[in-house]
């Protein structure tokens, strides 16, 4: 059996939002469509980010002030804590998809093997990847898509006939 490609396993033509879409509308779309993440595209249809359930949950979480120590009449922030605070605070007060989305999205190519994508999901501890073909968003591959392959007894890894 030939290897299964991402484009054979993905959900094609994914629902998308723009950076201007309200967080409330993003949440409604995700609930109505039973999806855990939604790609964010600009006016040209280019992928600029993704909003996941985790991004939305941050809005309702407790944002902790960054850790610091008092030193020589000043304050020194614990490395990384100020950056984490800034990111969480930005998402906690977000009103649009552009405010809450994760930028620098990890993607897979439509021609990648499903095995490669499944390995990437495991290694990166991610549940979904936007799928790109010729620089354009063409689908989303989720863990559920991989599980569907397994349920149909289709090997995810490639074997030669």
N, C-alpha and C. Protein backbone atom coordinates (compact mmCIF):
# COMPACT_ATOMS: atom_id res chain seq x y z
N UNK A 1 0.85 -1.19 0.00
CA UNK A 1 0.00 0.00 0.00
C UNK A 1 0.89 1.24 0.00
N UNK A 2 0.53 2.21 -0.82
CA UNK A 2 1.28 3.46 -0.84
C UNK A 2 0.99 4.25 0.42
N UNK A 3 1.92 5.14 0.74
CA UNK A 3 1.70 5.96 1.93
C UNK A 3 0.51 6.89 1.74
N UNK A 4 -0.17 7.16 2.85
CA UNK A 4 -1.32 8.07 2.83
C UNK A 4 -0.79 9.49 2.94
N UNK A 5 -1.25 10.35 2.06
CA UNK A 5 -0.82 11.75 2.09
C UNK A 5 -1.78 12.57 2.93
N UNK A 6 -1.27 13.68 3.44
CA UNK A 6 -2.08 14.58 4.26
C UNK A 6 -3.34 15.00 3.51
N UNK A 7 -3.23 15.30 2.22
CA UNK A 7 -4.39 15.75 1.46
C UNK A 7 -5.47 14.69 1.35
N UNK A 8 -5.12 13.41 1.55
CA UNK A 8 -6.10 12.34 1.52
C UNK A 8 -6.81 12.18 2.87
N UNK A 9 -6.22 12.70 3.92
CA UNK A 9 -6.76 12.52 5.27
C UNK A 9 -7.37 13.79 5.85
N UNK A 10 -6.99 14.93 5.31
CA UNK A 10 -7.40 16.22 5.88
C UNK A 10 -8.87 16.53 5.66
N UNK A 11 -9.35 17.51 6.39
CA UNK A 11 -10.65 18.11 6.14
C UNK A 11 -10.40 19.27 5.19
N UNK A 12 -10.94 19.16 3.98
CA UNK A 12 -10.70 20.18 2.96
C UNK A 12 -11.61 21.39 3.18
N UNK A 13 -11.22 22.50 2.56
CA UNK A 13 -12.00 23.74 2.62
C UNK A 13 -12.43 24.09 4.04
N UNK A 14 -11.47 24.34 4.92
CA UNK A 14 -11.82 24.60 6.31
C UNK A 14 -12.54 25.93 6.51
N UNK A 15 -13.32 25.97 7.56
CA UNK A 15 -13.94 27.22 7.98
C UNK A 15 -12.81 28.13 8.44
N UNK A 16 -12.86 29.40 8.05
CA UNK A 16 -11.84 30.35 8.47
C UNK A 16 -12.51 31.61 9.01
N UNK A 17 -11.71 32.41 9.71
CA UNK A 17 -12.15 33.72 10.15
C UNK A 17 -11.06 34.72 9.77
N UNK A 18 -11.40 36.00 9.89
CA UNK A 18 -10.40 37.04 9.63
C UNK A 18 -9.93 37.60 10.97
N UNK A 19 -8.83 38.33 10.96
CA UNK A 19 -8.36 38.92 12.22
C UNK A 19 -9.38 39.84 12.89
N UNK A 20 -10.31 40.40 12.12
CA UNK A 20 -11.32 41.31 12.67
C UNK A 20 -12.53 40.61 13.28
N UNK A 21 -12.64 39.30 13.10
CA UNK A 21 -13.78 38.56 13.64
C UNK A 21 -13.75 38.64 15.17
N UNK A 22 -14.90 38.90 15.77
CA UNK A 22 -14.94 39.01 17.23
C UNK A 22 -14.67 37.65 17.87
N UNK A 23 -14.11 37.68 19.07
CA UNK A 23 -13.83 36.46 19.82
C UNK A 23 -15.13 35.70 20.07
N UNK A 24 -16.21 36.41 20.35
CA UNK A 24 -17.50 35.77 20.57
C UNK A 24 -17.95 35.01 19.32
N UNK A 25 -17.80 35.62 18.15
CA UNK A 25 -18.17 34.94 16.90
C UNK A 25 -17.27 33.74 16.63
N UNK A 26 -15.98 33.86 16.92
CA UNK A 26 -15.06 32.73 16.76
C UNK A 26 -15.53 31.56 17.64
N UNK A 27 -15.83 31.85 18.89
CA UNK A 27 -16.29 30.81 19.82
C UNK A 27 -17.58 30.16 19.32
N UNK A 28 -18.52 30.98 18.84
CA UNK A 28 -19.79 30.44 18.33
C UNK A 28 -19.55 29.51 17.14
N UNK A 29 -18.70 29.93 16.22
CA UNK A 29 -18.40 29.10 15.05
C UNK A 29 -17.78 27.77 15.49
N UNK A 30 -16.84 27.84 16.44
CA UNK A 30 -16.19 26.63 16.91
C UNK A 30 -17.19 25.68 17.57
N UNK A 31 -18.10 26.22 18.35
CA UNK A 31 -19.12 25.39 19.01
C UNK A 31 -20.10 24.84 17.98
N UNK A 32 -20.60 25.69 17.09
CA UNK A 32 -21.58 25.26 16.09
C UNK A 32 -21.03 24.19 15.15
N UNK A 33 -19.75 24.29 14.84
CA UNK A 33 -19.12 23.34 13.90
C UNK A 33 -18.41 22.19 14.62
N UNK A 34 -18.40 22.22 15.95
CA UNK A 34 -17.71 21.19 16.75
C UNK A 34 -16.24 21.05 16.34
N UNK A 35 -15.57 22.19 16.27
CA UNK A 35 -14.14 22.19 15.93
C UNK A 35 -13.35 22.83 17.06
N UNK A 36 -12.13 22.39 17.23
CA UNK A 36 -11.30 22.89 18.32
C UNK A 36 -10.34 23.98 17.93
N UNK A 37 -10.31 24.32 16.66
CA UNK A 37 -9.42 25.37 16.20
C UNK A 37 -9.89 25.88 14.86
N UNK A 38 -9.56 27.13 14.59
CA UNK A 38 -10.01 27.74 13.34
C UNK A 38 -8.91 28.64 12.77
N UNK A 39 -8.52 28.39 11.51
CA UNK A 39 -7.49 29.22 10.90
C UNK A 39 -7.95 30.67 10.72
N UNK A 40 -7.01 31.57 10.86
CA UNK A 40 -7.26 33.00 10.65
C UNK A 40 -6.55 33.40 9.36
N UNK A 41 -7.30 33.98 8.42
CA UNK A 41 -6.73 34.38 7.14
C UNK A 41 -6.95 35.87 6.90
N UNK A 42 -6.04 36.46 6.13
CA UNK A 42 -6.19 37.88 5.80
C UNK A 42 -7.11 38.02 4.58
N UNK A 43 -7.27 39.24 4.11
CA UNK A 43 -8.18 39.51 2.98
C UNK A 43 -7.77 38.77 1.71
N UNK A 44 -6.50 38.44 1.60
CA UNK A 44 -6.01 37.72 0.41
C UNK A 44 -6.12 36.20 0.58
N UNK A 45 -6.63 35.77 1.73
CA UNK A 45 -6.76 34.34 1.99
C UNK A 45 -5.51 33.68 2.52
N UNK A 46 -4.51 34.49 2.86
CA UNK A 46 -3.26 33.96 3.40
C UNK A 46 -3.41 33.64 4.89
N UNK A 47 -2.86 32.53 5.31
CA UNK A 47 -2.90 32.13 6.71
C UNK A 47 -2.05 33.08 7.55
N UNK A 48 -2.65 33.68 8.57
CA UNK A 48 -1.92 34.60 9.44
C UNK A 48 -1.90 34.12 10.90
N UNK A 49 -2.70 33.10 11.21
CA UNK A 49 -2.74 32.60 12.58
C UNK A 49 -3.77 31.51 12.72
N UNK A 50 -3.95 31.08 13.96
CA UNK A 50 -4.97 30.09 14.28
C UNK A 50 -5.49 30.39 15.68
N UNK A 51 -6.78 30.22 15.87
CA UNK A 51 -7.38 30.36 17.20
C UNK A 51 -7.81 28.96 17.62
N UNK A 52 -7.35 28.54 18.80
CA UNK A 52 -7.71 27.23 19.32
C UNK A 52 -8.51 27.41 20.61
N UNK A 53 -9.07 26.29 21.06
CA UNK A 53 -9.79 26.32 22.34
C UNK A 53 -8.89 26.87 23.44
N UNK A 54 -7.62 26.48 23.42
CA UNK A 54 -6.68 26.95 24.45
C UNK A 54 -6.53 28.46 24.44
N UNK A 55 -6.52 29.04 23.24
CA UNK A 55 -6.42 30.50 23.14
C UNK A 55 -7.63 31.18 23.78
N UNK A 56 -8.80 30.58 23.60
CA UNK A 56 -10.02 31.16 24.16
C UNK A 56 -10.12 30.95 25.66
N UNK A 57 -9.63 29.81 26.14
CA UNK A 57 -9.69 29.53 27.58
C UNK A 57 -8.82 30.50 28.36
N UNK A 58 -7.75 30.97 27.76
CA UNK A 58 -6.87 31.94 28.43
C UNK A 58 -7.67 33.17 28.83
N UNK A 59 -8.68 33.53 28.02
CA UNK A 59 -9.48 34.71 28.32
C UNK A 59 -10.19 34.60 29.66
N UNK A 60 -10.56 33.39 30.04
CA UNK A 60 -11.28 33.20 31.30
C UNK A 60 -10.38 32.69 32.42
N UNK A 61 -9.09 32.68 32.19
CA UNK A 61 -8.18 32.18 33.22
C UNK A 61 -7.61 33.33 34.04
N UNK A 62 -7.02 32.97 35.12
CA UNK A 62 -6.39 33.92 36.01
C UNK A 62 -5.02 34.31 35.43
N UNK A 63 -4.80 35.57 35.16
CA UNK A 63 -3.51 36.02 34.65
C UNK A 63 -2.66 36.44 35.84
N UNK A 64 -1.58 35.72 36.04
CA UNK A 64 -0.69 35.97 37.18
C UNK A 64 0.34 37.04 36.82
N UNK A 65 0.58 37.93 37.76
CA UNK A 65 1.61 38.95 37.57
C UNK A 65 2.96 38.25 37.46
N UNK A 66 3.86 38.74 36.61
CA UNK A 66 5.15 38.07 36.44
C UNK A 66 5.97 38.03 37.73
N UNK A 67 6.75 36.98 37.85
CA UNK A 67 7.61 36.81 39.02
C UNK A 67 8.77 37.80 38.97
N UNK A 68 9.11 38.34 40.13
CA UNK A 68 10.22 39.29 40.19
C UNK A 68 10.88 39.22 41.56
N UNK A 69 12.08 39.78 41.62
CA UNK A 69 12.79 39.91 42.90
C UNK A 69 13.22 41.36 43.06
N UNK A 70 13.24 41.80 44.31
CA UNK A 70 13.70 43.15 44.59
C UNK A 70 15.23 43.10 44.70
N UNK A 71 15.89 44.02 44.00
CA UNK A 71 17.35 44.00 44.00
C UNK A 71 17.87 45.42 43.83
N UNK A 72 18.66 45.89 44.79
CA UNK A 72 19.26 47.22 44.73
C UNK A 72 18.23 48.31 44.42
N UNK A 73 17.16 48.35 45.19
CA UNK A 73 16.10 49.34 45.06
C UNK A 73 15.35 49.27 43.74
N UNK A 74 15.43 48.13 43.08
CA UNK A 74 14.70 47.96 41.82
C UNK A 74 14.10 46.57 41.77
N UNK A 75 13.51 46.26 40.65
CA UNK A 75 12.89 44.95 40.46
C UNK A 75 13.51 44.26 39.26
N UNK A 76 13.79 43.01 39.43
CA UNK A 76 14.32 42.18 38.35
C UNK A 76 13.30 41.07 38.10
N UNK A 77 12.77 41.02 36.88
CA UNK A 77 11.80 39.99 36.55
C UNK A 77 12.50 38.68 36.24
N UNK A 78 11.90 37.60 36.68
CA UNK A 78 12.44 36.27 36.38
C UNK A 78 12.40 36.10 34.86
N UNK A 79 13.51 35.64 34.27
CA UNK A 79 13.55 35.52 32.81
C UNK A 79 12.34 34.75 32.26
N UNK A 80 11.73 35.33 31.24
CA UNK A 80 10.59 34.70 30.58
C UNK A 80 9.25 35.03 31.20
N UNK A 81 9.21 35.39 32.48
CA UNK A 81 7.92 35.60 33.13
C UNK A 81 7.20 36.85 32.61
N UNK A 82 7.94 37.89 32.28
CA UNK A 82 7.32 39.11 31.76
C UNK A 82 6.72 38.85 30.37
N UNK A 83 7.45 38.11 29.54
CA UNK A 83 6.95 37.77 28.21
C UNK A 83 5.68 36.93 28.32
N UNK A 84 5.68 35.90 29.19
CA UNK A 84 4.49 35.05 29.39
C UNK A 84 3.32 35.88 29.88
N UNK A 85 3.59 36.81 30.81
CA UNK A 85 2.53 37.68 31.32
C UNK A 85 1.95 38.53 30.19
N UNK A 86 2.81 39.13 29.39
CA UNK A 86 2.35 39.97 28.28
C UNK A 86 1.48 39.19 27.31
N UNK A 87 1.89 37.96 26.96
CA UNK A 87 1.12 37.14 26.04
C UNK A 87 -0.24 36.77 26.63
N UNK A 88 -0.26 36.33 27.89
CA UNK A 88 -1.52 35.94 28.52
C UNK A 88 -2.43 37.15 28.73
N UNK A 89 -1.86 38.28 29.10
CA UNK A 89 -2.66 39.48 29.31
C UNK A 89 -3.29 39.93 28.00
N UNK A 90 -2.50 39.91 26.94
CA UNK A 90 -3.00 40.30 25.61
C UNK A 90 -4.20 39.43 25.23
N UNK A 91 -4.10 38.13 25.46
CA UNK A 91 -5.20 37.23 25.12
C UNK A 91 -6.38 37.39 26.07
N UNK A 92 -6.11 37.71 27.32
CA UNK A 92 -7.19 37.85 28.31
C UNK A 92 -8.09 39.03 28.01
N UNK A 93 -7.54 40.07 27.40
CA UNK A 93 -8.34 41.27 27.10
C UNK A 93 -8.70 41.36 25.61
N UNK A 94 -8.43 40.30 24.88
CA UNK A 94 -8.65 40.30 23.43
C UNK A 94 -10.13 40.42 23.08
N UNK A 95 -10.38 41.11 21.98
CA UNK A 95 -11.76 41.21 21.51
C UNK A 95 -11.92 40.67 20.09
N UNK A 96 -10.80 40.44 19.40
CA UNK A 96 -10.87 39.93 18.03
C UNK A 96 -9.97 38.70 17.87
N UNK A 97 -10.21 37.97 16.79
CA UNK A 97 -9.38 36.80 16.47
C UNK A 97 -7.92 37.22 16.34
N UNK A 98 -7.68 38.38 15.76
CA UNK A 98 -6.31 38.86 15.59
C UNK A 98 -5.60 39.09 16.91
N UNK A 99 -6.36 39.46 17.94
CA UNK A 99 -5.77 39.68 19.27
C UNK A 99 -5.44 38.38 19.99
N UNK A 100 -6.28 37.38 19.79
CA UNK A 100 -6.15 36.14 20.58
C UNK A 100 -5.42 35.02 19.83
N UNK A 101 -5.29 35.13 18.52
CA UNK A 101 -4.72 34.04 17.72
C UNK A 101 -3.26 33.77 18.03
N UNK A 102 -2.87 32.55 17.73
CA UNK A 102 -1.47 32.17 17.78
C UNK A 102 -0.89 32.45 16.40
N UNK A 103 0.19 33.22 16.38
CA UNK A 103 0.86 33.52 15.11
C UNK A 103 1.96 32.49 14.90
N UNK A 104 2.67 32.58 13.80
CA UNK A 104 3.76 31.64 13.50
C UNK A 104 3.25 30.20 13.62
N UNK A 105 2.22 29.91 12.87
CA UNK A 105 1.53 28.63 12.93
C UNK A 105 2.38 27.52 12.33
N UNK A 106 2.42 26.39 13.01
CA UNK A 106 3.06 25.21 12.46
C UNK A 106 2.08 24.60 11.46
N UNK A 107 2.53 24.40 10.23
CA UNK A 107 1.67 23.85 9.19
C UNK A 107 2.28 22.57 8.62
N UNK A 108 1.48 21.84 7.87
CA UNK A 108 1.98 20.71 7.09
C UNK A 108 1.60 20.95 5.64
N UNK A 109 2.34 20.34 4.75
CA UNK A 109 2.05 20.46 3.33
C UNK A 109 1.11 19.33 2.91
N UNK A 110 0.24 19.62 1.95
CA UNK A 110 -0.72 18.62 1.48
C UNK A 110 -0.02 17.36 0.97
N UNK A 111 1.21 17.50 0.48
CA UNK A 111 1.94 16.35 -0.06
C UNK A 111 2.76 15.59 0.98
N UNK A 112 2.75 16.07 2.23
CA UNK A 112 3.44 15.34 3.31
C UNK A 112 2.70 14.04 3.59
N UNK A 113 3.41 13.08 4.15
CA UNK A 113 2.75 11.83 4.53
C UNK A 113 1.96 12.02 5.81
N UNK A 114 0.88 11.28 5.96
CA UNK A 114 0.10 11.31 7.19
C UNK A 114 0.96 10.85 8.36
N UNK A 115 1.88 9.93 8.09
CA UNK A 115 2.80 9.47 9.14
C UNK A 115 3.65 10.62 9.66
N UNK A 116 4.18 11.42 8.75
CA UNK A 116 4.98 12.59 9.15
C UNK A 116 4.15 13.54 10.00
N UNK A 117 2.92 13.81 9.57
CA UNK A 117 2.04 14.73 10.30
C UNK A 117 1.71 14.17 11.69
N UNK A 118 1.43 12.86 11.76
CA UNK A 118 1.11 12.24 13.05
C UNK A 118 2.30 12.31 13.99
N UNK A 119 3.50 12.10 13.45
CA UNK A 119 4.72 12.20 14.26
C UNK A 119 4.91 13.63 14.74
N UNK A 120 4.68 14.59 13.88
CA UNK A 120 4.79 16.01 14.24
C UNK A 120 3.79 16.37 15.33
N UNK A 121 2.57 15.85 15.21
CA UNK A 121 1.55 16.09 16.25
C UNK A 121 2.03 15.59 17.60
N UNK A 122 2.59 14.40 17.60
CA UNK A 122 3.07 13.81 18.84
C UNK A 122 4.25 14.59 19.40
N UNK A 123 5.22 14.89 18.56
CA UNK A 123 6.43 15.59 19.01
C UNK A 123 6.15 17.02 19.47
N UNK A 124 5.25 17.71 18.79
CA UNK A 124 4.95 19.11 19.12
C UNK A 124 3.79 19.24 20.11
N UNK A 125 3.17 18.09 20.45
CA UNK A 125 2.01 18.07 21.36
C UNK A 125 0.91 19.01 20.85
N UNK A 126 0.60 18.84 19.56
CA UNK A 126 -0.43 19.65 18.91
C UNK A 126 -1.54 18.74 18.40
N UNK A 127 -2.75 19.29 18.29
CA UNK A 127 -3.90 18.49 17.89
C UNK A 127 -4.35 18.76 16.46
N UNK A 128 -3.84 19.81 15.84
CA UNK A 128 -4.29 20.15 14.50
C UNK A 128 -3.22 20.98 13.79
N UNK A 129 -3.22 20.84 12.47
CA UNK A 129 -2.33 21.63 11.63
C UNK A 129 -3.09 22.16 10.43
N UNK A 130 -2.97 23.44 10.12
CA UNK A 130 -3.45 23.91 8.84
C UNK A 130 -2.62 23.23 7.74
N UNK A 131 -3.27 22.93 6.63
CA UNK A 131 -2.61 22.26 5.51
C UNK A 131 -2.44 23.26 4.38
N UNK A 132 -1.21 23.34 3.88
CA UNK A 132 -0.86 24.30 2.85
C UNK A 132 -0.51 23.56 1.56
N UNK A 133 -0.98 24.09 0.44
CA UNK A 133 -0.60 23.57 -0.88
C UNK A 133 -0.34 24.76 -1.78
N UNK A 134 0.84 24.80 -2.35
CA UNK A 134 1.25 25.92 -3.21
C UNK A 134 1.06 27.26 -2.50
N UNK A 135 1.38 27.29 -1.20
CA UNK A 135 1.31 28.52 -0.42
C UNK A 135 -0.07 28.93 0.05
N UNK A 136 -1.09 28.14 -0.27
CA UNK A 136 -2.47 28.49 0.11
C UNK A 136 -3.02 27.47 1.10
N UNK A 137 -3.89 27.95 1.99
CA UNK A 137 -4.58 27.09 2.94
C UNK A 137 -5.61 26.25 2.18
N UNK A 138 -5.48 24.92 2.28
CA UNK A 138 -6.42 24.04 1.57
C UNK A 138 -7.17 23.10 2.50
N UNK A 139 -6.76 23.04 3.77
CA UNK A 139 -7.42 22.14 4.69
C UNK A 139 -6.87 22.23 6.08
N UNK A 140 -7.40 21.37 6.95
CA UNK A 140 -6.90 21.23 8.31
C UNK A 140 -6.80 19.74 8.58
N UNK A 141 -5.70 19.34 9.16
CA UNK A 141 -5.51 17.94 9.57
C UNK A 141 -5.53 17.89 11.08
N UNK A 142 -6.43 17.07 11.62
CA UNK A 142 -6.56 16.96 13.07
C UNK A 142 -6.24 15.55 13.53
N UNK A 143 -6.08 15.40 14.84
CA UNK A 143 -5.90 14.06 15.40
C UNK A 143 -7.09 13.18 15.03
N UNK A 144 -8.28 13.76 15.01
CA UNK A 144 -9.48 12.99 14.65
C UNK A 144 -9.36 12.44 13.24
N UNK A 145 -8.75 13.19 12.32
CA UNK A 145 -8.55 12.70 10.95
C UNK A 145 -7.62 11.49 10.94
N UNK A 146 -6.59 11.52 11.75
CA UNK A 146 -5.65 10.39 11.86
C UNK A 146 -6.38 9.18 12.46
N UNK A 147 -7.19 9.43 13.49
CA UNK A 147 -7.94 8.34 14.12
C UNK A 147 -8.92 7.71 13.11
N UNK A 148 -9.51 8.52 12.24
CA UNK A 148 -10.41 7.98 11.20
C UNK A 148 -9.65 7.00 10.31
N UNK A 149 -8.42 7.34 9.95
CA UNK A 149 -7.61 6.41 9.13
C UNK A 149 -7.42 5.09 9.87
N UNK A 150 -7.09 5.19 11.14
CA UNK A 150 -6.86 3.99 11.94
C UNK A 150 -8.14 3.17 12.04
N UNK A 151 -9.29 3.83 12.23
CA UNK A 151 -10.56 3.12 12.37
C UNK A 151 -10.96 2.39 11.09
N UNK A 152 -10.49 2.88 9.95
CA UNK A 152 -10.77 2.22 8.67
C UNK A 152 -9.68 1.21 8.32
N UNK A 153 -8.80 0.96 9.30
CA UNK A 153 -7.70 0.00 9.15
C UNK A 153 -6.76 0.39 8.00
N UNK A 154 -6.58 1.70 7.85
CA UNK A 154 -5.65 2.21 6.85
C UNK A 154 -4.35 2.55 7.59
N UNK A 155 -3.26 1.86 7.25
CA UNK A 155 -2.01 2.16 7.95
C UNK A 155 -1.56 3.60 7.71
N UNK A 156 -1.18 4.26 8.75
CA UNK A 156 -0.71 5.65 8.64
C UNK A 156 0.68 5.67 8.03
N UNK A 157 1.50 4.67 8.39
CA UNK A 157 2.85 4.66 7.84
C UNK A 157 2.84 4.04 6.46
N UNK A 158 3.76 4.47 5.63
CA UNK A 158 3.82 3.96 4.27
C UNK A 158 4.50 2.60 4.19
N UNK A 159 3.97 1.74 3.36
CA UNK A 159 4.62 0.46 3.06
C UNK A 159 4.55 0.26 1.57
N UNK A 160 5.51 -0.39 1.04
CA UNK A 160 5.56 -0.62 -0.39
C UNK A 160 4.82 -1.90 -0.75
N UNK A 161 4.13 -1.89 -1.88
CA UNK A 161 3.45 -3.09 -2.37
C UNK A 161 4.38 -3.93 -3.17
